[in-house]
PDB file of N, CA and C in Angstrom:
ATOM      1  N   MET A   1      36.207 -25.510  33.183  1.00  0.00           N
ATOM      2  CA  MET A   1      35.175 -26.430  33.664  1.00  0.00           C
ATOM      3  C   MET A   1      34.989 -27.571  32.667  1.00  0.00           C
ATOM      4  N   SER A   2      34.956 -27.236  31.394  1.00  0.00           N
ATOM      5  CA  SER A   2      34.751 -28.258  30.357  1.00  0.00           C
ATOM      6  C   SER A   2      35.807 -29.348  30.475  1.00  0.00           C
ATOM      7  N   PHE A   3      37.066 -28.931  30.609  1.00  0.00           N
ATOM      8  CA  PHE A   3      38.156 -29.903  30.700  1.00  0.00           C
ATOM      9  C   PHE A   3      37.967 -30.811  31.909  1.00  0.00           C
ATOM     10  N   ALA A   4      37.674 -30.226  33.054  1.00  0.00           N
ATOM     11  CA  ALA A   4      37.467 -31.008  34.282  1.00  0.00           C
ATOM     12  C   ALA A   4      36.323 -31.989  34.090  1.00  0.00           C
ATOM     13  N   ALA A   5      35.227 -31.528  33.532  1.00  0.00           N
ATOM     14  CA  ALA A   5      34.061 -32.396  33.316  1.00  0.00           C
ATOM     15  C   ALA A   5      34.437 -33.531  32.375  1.00  0.00           C
ATOM     16  N   SER A   6      35.190 -33.221  31.339  1.00  0.00           N
ATOM     17  CA  SER A   6      35.595 -34.239  30.363  1.00  0.00           C
ATOM     18  C   SER A   6      36.470 -35.285  31.042  1.00  0.00           C
ATOM     19  N   VAL A   7      37.418 -34.844  31.850  1.00  0.00           N
ATOM     20  CA  VAL A   7      38.317 -35.758  32.553  1.00  0.00           C
ATOM     21  C   VAL A   7      37.526 -36.673  33.476  1.00  0.00           C
ATOM     22  N   LEU A   8      36.591 -36.098  34.232  1.00  0.00           N
ATOM     23  CA  LEU A   8      35.784 -36.893  35.170  1.00  0.00           C
ATOM     24  C   LEU A   8      34.970 -37.935  34.428  1.00  0.00           C
ATOM     25  N   THR A   9      34.588 -37.599  33.198  1.00  0.00           N
ATOM     26  CA  THR A   9      33.771 -38.529  32.410  1.00  0.00           C
ATOM     27  C   THR A   9      34.636 -39.602  31.757  1.00  0.00           C
ATOM     28  N   LEU A  10      35.832 -39.212  31.292  1.00  0.00           N
ATOM     29  CA  LEU A  10      36.713 -40.164  30.620  1.00  0.00           C
ATOM     30  C   LEU A  10      37.534 -40.989  31.601  1.00  0.00           C
ATOM     31  N   TYR A  11      37.895 -40.404  32.739  1.00  0.00           N
ATOM     32  CA  TYR A  11      38.709 -41.113  33.725  1.00  0.00           C
ATOM     33  C   TYR A  11      38.139 -42.476  34.082  1.00  0.00           C
ATOM     34  N   PRO A  12      36.895 -42.532  34.576  1.00  0.00           N
ATOM     35  CA  PRO A  12      36.288 -43.822  34.937  1.00  0.00           C
ATOM     36  C   PRO A  12      36.119 -44.733  33.727  1.00  0.00           C
ATOM     37  N   ALA A  13      35.973 -44.143  32.547  1.00  0.00           N
ATOM     38  CA  ALA A  13      35.786 -44.933  31.326  1.00  0.00           C
ATOM     39  C   ALA A  13      37.088 -45.654  30.979  1.00  0.00           C
ATOM     40  N   MET A  14      38.223 -44.970  31.186  1.00  0.00           N
ATOM     41  CA  MET A  14      39.518 -45.570  30.866  1.00  0.00           C
ATOM     42  C   MET A  14      40.020 -46.446  32.006  1.00  0.00           C
ATOM     43  N   PHE A  15      39.641 -46.080  33.231  1.00  0.00           N
ATOM     44  CA  PHE A  15      40.079 -46.842  34.404  1.00  0.00           C
ATOM     45  C   PHE A  15      38.888 -47.275  35.249  1.00  0.00           C
ATOM     46  N   PRO A  16      38.086 -48.211  34.751  1.00  0.00           N
ATOM     47  CA  PRO A  16      36.910 -48.695  35.467  1.00  0.00           C
ATOM     48  C   PRO A  16      37.287 -49.368  36.785  1.00  0.00           C
ATOM     49  N   GLY A  17      36.429 -49.216  37.782  1.00  0.00           N
ATOM     50  CA  GLY A  17      36.731 -49.810  39.087  1.00  0.00           C
ATOM     51  C   GLY A  17      36.093 -48.989  40.194  1.00  0.00           C
ATOM     52  N   ALA A  18      36.853 -48.695  41.247  1.00  0.00           N
ATOM     53  CA  ALA A  18      36.331 -47.917  42.364  1.00  0.00           C
ATOM     54  C   ALA A  18      35.860 -46.545  41.876  1.00  0.00           C
ATOM     55  N   LEU A  19      36.684 -45.891  41.029  1.00  0.00           N
ATOM     56  CA  LEU A  19      36.321 -44.565  40.534  1.00  0.00           C
ATOM     57  C   LEU A  19      35.069 -44.635  39.684  1.00  0.00           C
ATOM     58  N   GLY A  20      35.022 -45.574  38.785  1.00  0.00           N
ATOM     59  CA  GLY A  20      33.866 -45.725  37.903  1.00  0.00           C
ATOM     60  C   GLY A  20      32.606 -45.977  38.701  1.00  0.00           C
ATOM     61  N   LEU A  21      32.698 -46.885  39.661  1.00  0.00           N
ATOM     62  CA  LEU A  21      31.524 -47.217  40.468  1.00  0.00           C
ATOM     63  C   LEU A  21      31.094 -46.018  41.303  1.00  0.00           C
ATOM     64  N   SER A  22      32.064 -45.286  41.840  1.00  0.00           N
ATOM     65  CA  SER A  22      31.755 -44.134  42.679  1.00  0.00           C
ATOM     66  C   SER A  22      31.044 -43.056  41.868  1.00  0.00           C
ATOM     67  N   LEU A  23      31.585 -42.765  40.662  1.00  0.00           N
ATOM     68  CA  LEU A  23      30.981 -41.734  39.818  1.00  0.00           C
ATOM     69  C   LEU A  23      29.661 -42.212  39.233  1.00  0.00           C
ATOM     70  N   ALA A  24      29.603 -43.498  38.896  1.00  0.00           N
ATOM     71  CA  ALA A  24      28.387 -44.046  38.303  1.00  0.00           C
ATOM     72  C   ALA A  24      27.279 -44.126  39.350  1.00  0.00           C
ATOM     73  N   GLY A  25      27.667 -44.231  40.618  1.00  0.00           N
ATOM     74  CA  GLY A  25      26.657 -44.305  41.672  1.00  0.00           C
ATOM     75  C   GLY A  25      26.348 -45.749  41.984  1.00  0.00           C
TER      76      GLY A  25
END
């Protein structure tokens, strides 16, 4: 779970855009 949570948090940070906006709300 930790790894998945970390990826979800870092993914949008490294690749801002649709994913970042979607996760950020």
